[in-house]
């Protein structure tokens, strides 16, 4: 079940976010308290739940009529959780008449790059976050995400 993050679930969602960061290549880190503040005050968040436990989430922001993904993670890979979360964002984007969903992906994280490609995202630029860390800027039309995710 995909639902909007509820206040009572922020602590659990923060732990899921943190666990997801540790699964990235290269591994990410952010203090739990900072994650909690961002999830509560700065981002729009949807969570995936199974048996009342959060097993994935997607966070994003809307600025200048575009959606930019902050983070997407699934605690279990290859179970369709990430796909369902992205489809939910795409449906949200269509309702708001937003033409593209944007994100960044590490050039080192082949698994995540493959996932985004399968969901219809394409690379439109890149930049070095640090000397040895290349990030790709990617985007997809909401209609494409829904088509690929169905």
Protein backbone atom coordinates (compact mmCIF):
# COMPACT_ATOMS: atom_id res chain seq x y z
CA UNK A 1 0.00 0.00 0.00
CA UNK A 2 1.32 3.45 -0.96
CA UNK A 3 0.23 6.40 1.17
CA UNK A 4 1.29 9.92 2.05
CA UNK A 5 3.62 10.05 5.07
CA UNK A 6 1.74 10.56 8.33
CA UNK A 7 3.14 12.48 11.29
CA UNK A 8 3.09 9.35 13.46
CA UNK A 9 5.35 7.54 10.93
CA UNK A 10 8.10 10.16 10.58
CA UNK A 11 10.52 8.44 12.97
CA UNK A 12 10.13 5.07 11.21
CA UNK A 13 10.39 6.73 7.78
CA UNK A 14 13.60 8.46 8.88
CA UNK A 15 15.11 5.10 9.78
CA UNK A 16 14.09 3.68 6.38
CA UNK A 17 15.61 6.74 4.66
CA UNK A 18 18.85 6.27 6.61
CA UNK A 19 18.97 2.55 5.77
CA UNK A 20 18.37 3.41 2.11
CA UNK A 21 21.28 5.87 2.15
CA UNK A 22 23.55 3.10 3.41
CA UNK A 23 22.54 0.97 0.39
CA UNK A 24 23.68 3.60 -2.13
CA UNK A 25 26.88 3.39 -4.15
CA UNK A 26 28.80 5.23 -2.81
CA UNK A 27 27.17 4.94 0.61
CA UNK A 28 25.32 8.02 1.77
CA UNK A 29 24.85 9.37 5.27
CA UNK A 30 22.73 11.99 6.95
CA UNK A 31 22.00 12.32 10.70
CA UNK A 32 18.56 10.95 11.68
CA UNK A 33 17.42 14.24 13.24
CA UNK A 34 18.18 16.09 9.98
CA UNK A 35 16.27 13.47 8.01
CA UNK A 36 13.29 13.83 10.35
CA UNK A 37 13.22 17.61 9.88
CA UNK A 38 13.43 17.32 6.09
CA UNK A 39 10.71 14.65 5.90
CA UNK A 40 8.42 16.61 8.24
CA UNK A 41 9.01 20.17 7.05
CA UNK A 42 10.64 20.35 3.63
CA UNK A 43 9.61 17.47 1.38
CA UNK A 44 6.52 15.69 0.11
CA UNK A 45 6.81 12.02 1.07
CA UNK A 46 4.98 8.84 0.11
CA UNK A 47 5.67 5.55 1.85
CA UNK A 48 5.15 1.94 0.92
CA UNK A 49 3.78 -0.21 3.74
CA UNK A 50 3.41 -3.92 4.20
CA UNK A 51 1.72 -5.17 7.38
CA UNK A 52 1.79 -1.60 8.76
CA UNK A 53 5.61 -1.41 8.43
CA UNK A 54 7.30 1.02 6.06
CA UNK A 55 9.35 -0.90 3.50
CA UNK A 56 10.09 1.95 1.10
CA UNK A 57 9.65 5.65 0.51
CA UNK A 58 10.01 8.42 -2.02
CA UNK A 59 10.58 12.05 -1.14
CA UNK A 60 10.43 14.99 -3.52
CA UNK A 61 9.83 18.68 -3.87
CA UNK A 62 7.90 20.83 -6.29
CA UNK A 63 9.56 24.01 -7.46
CA UNK A 64 8.87 26.08 -10.56
CA UNK A 65 6.23 23.58 -11.74
CA UNK A 66 8.63 20.64 -11.71
CA UNK A 67 9.08 17.64 -9.45
CA UNK A 68 12.58 16.82 -8.31
CA UNK A 69 13.07 13.54 -6.50
CA UNK A 70 15.06 13.86 -3.29
CA UNK A 71 15.30 10.17 -2.52
CA UNK A 72 13.68 6.85 -3.33
CA UNK A 73 14.42 3.60 -1.58
CA UNK A 74 13.03 0.14 -1.02
CA UNK A 75 14.34 -2.01 1.81
CA UNK A 76 13.81 -5.08 -0.37
CA UNK A 77 14.96 -4.85 -3.96
CA UNK A 78 13.26 -6.43 -6.97
CA UNK A 79 9.85 -6.59 -5.24
CA UNK A 80 8.21 -3.75 -7.21
CA UNK A 81 8.29 -1.27 -4.31
CA UNK A 82 10.35 1.38 -6.09
CA UNK A 83 8.29 0.98 -9.25
CA UNK A 84 5.03 1.52 -7.35
CA UNK A 85 6.44 4.57 -5.58
CA UNK A 86 7.56 6.13 -8.87
CA UNK A 87 4.17 5.46 -10.47
CA UNK A 88 2.52 7.23 -7.51
CA UNK A 89 4.72 10.29 -8.09
CA UNK A 90 3.94 10.19 -11.81
CA UNK A 91 0.20 10.13 -11.07
CA UNK A 92 0.69 13.07 -8.70
CA UNK A 93 2.63 14.92 -11.43
CA UNK A 94 -0.15 14.38 -13.99
CA UNK A 95 -2.77 15.77 -11.58
CA UNK A 96 -0.61 18.86 -11.10
CA UNK A 97 0.02 19.10 -14.88
CA UNK A 98 3.77 18.71 -14.37
CA UNK A 99 5.56 17.67 -17.54
CA UNK A 100 8.71 16.02 -16.14
CA UNK A 101 10.00 14.25 -13.05
CA UNK A 102 13.69 14.96 -12.40
CA UNK A 103 16.35 13.19 -10.35
CA UNK A 104 20.08 12.65 -9.99
CA UNK A 105 21.83 9.28 -10.02
CA UNK A 106 25.39 8.26 -9.22
CA UNK A 107 27.40 7.07 -12.21
CA UNK A 108 28.77 4.35 -9.89
CA UNK A 109 25.39 2.85 -8.95
CA UNK A 110 24.64 0.60 -11.92
CA UNK A 111 21.63 -1.04 -10.20
CA UNK A 112 19.89 2.29 -9.66
CA UNK A 113 20.79 3.55 -13.14
CA UNK A 114 19.22 0.41 -14.61
CA UNK A 115 16.07 0.89 -12.52
CA UNK A 116 15.61 4.49 -13.68
CA UNK A 117 16.27 3.51 -17.31
CA UNK A 118 13.59 0.78 -17.10
CA UNK A 119 11.18 3.38 -15.70
CA UNK A 120 11.73 5.66 -18.71
CA UNK A 121 14.27 8.15 -17.38
CA UNK A 122 16.93 9.53 -19.70
CA UNK A 123 20.16 11.37 -18.95
CA UNK A 124 20.22 15.02 -19.98
CA UNK A 125 23.43 16.23 -18.28
CA UNK A 126 26.04 15.37 -15.67
CA UNK A 127 28.24 17.07 -13.10
CA UNK A 128 30.96 16.17 -10.62
CA UNK A 129 29.70 16.31 -7.03
CA UNK A 130 33.34 15.79 -5.99
CA UNK A 131 36.51 15.15 -7.98
CA UNK A 132 35.80 11.40 -8.29
CA UNK A 133 32.01 11.40 -7.98
CA UNK A 134 29.99 11.93 -11.15
CA UNK A 135 26.24 12.43 -10.97
CA UNK A 136 23.87 12.17 -13.92
CA UNK A 137 20.86 14.44 -14.14
CA UNK A 138 17.92 12.43 -15.42
CA UNK A 139 14.27 13.07 -16.27
CA UNK A 140 11.13 11.29 -17.44
CA UNK A 141 7.63 12.22 -18.49
CA UNK A 142 4.98 11.10 -15.97
CA UNK A 143 3.09 9.28 -18.75
CA UNK A 144 6.22 7.27 -19.57
CA UNK A 145 6.78 6.32 -15.92
CA UNK A 146 3.20 5.08 -15.65
CA UNK A 147 3.44 3.14 -18.91
CA UNK A 148 6.75 1.48 -17.94
CA UNK A 149 5.61 0.86 -14.36
CA UNK A 150 2.32 -0.81 -15.21
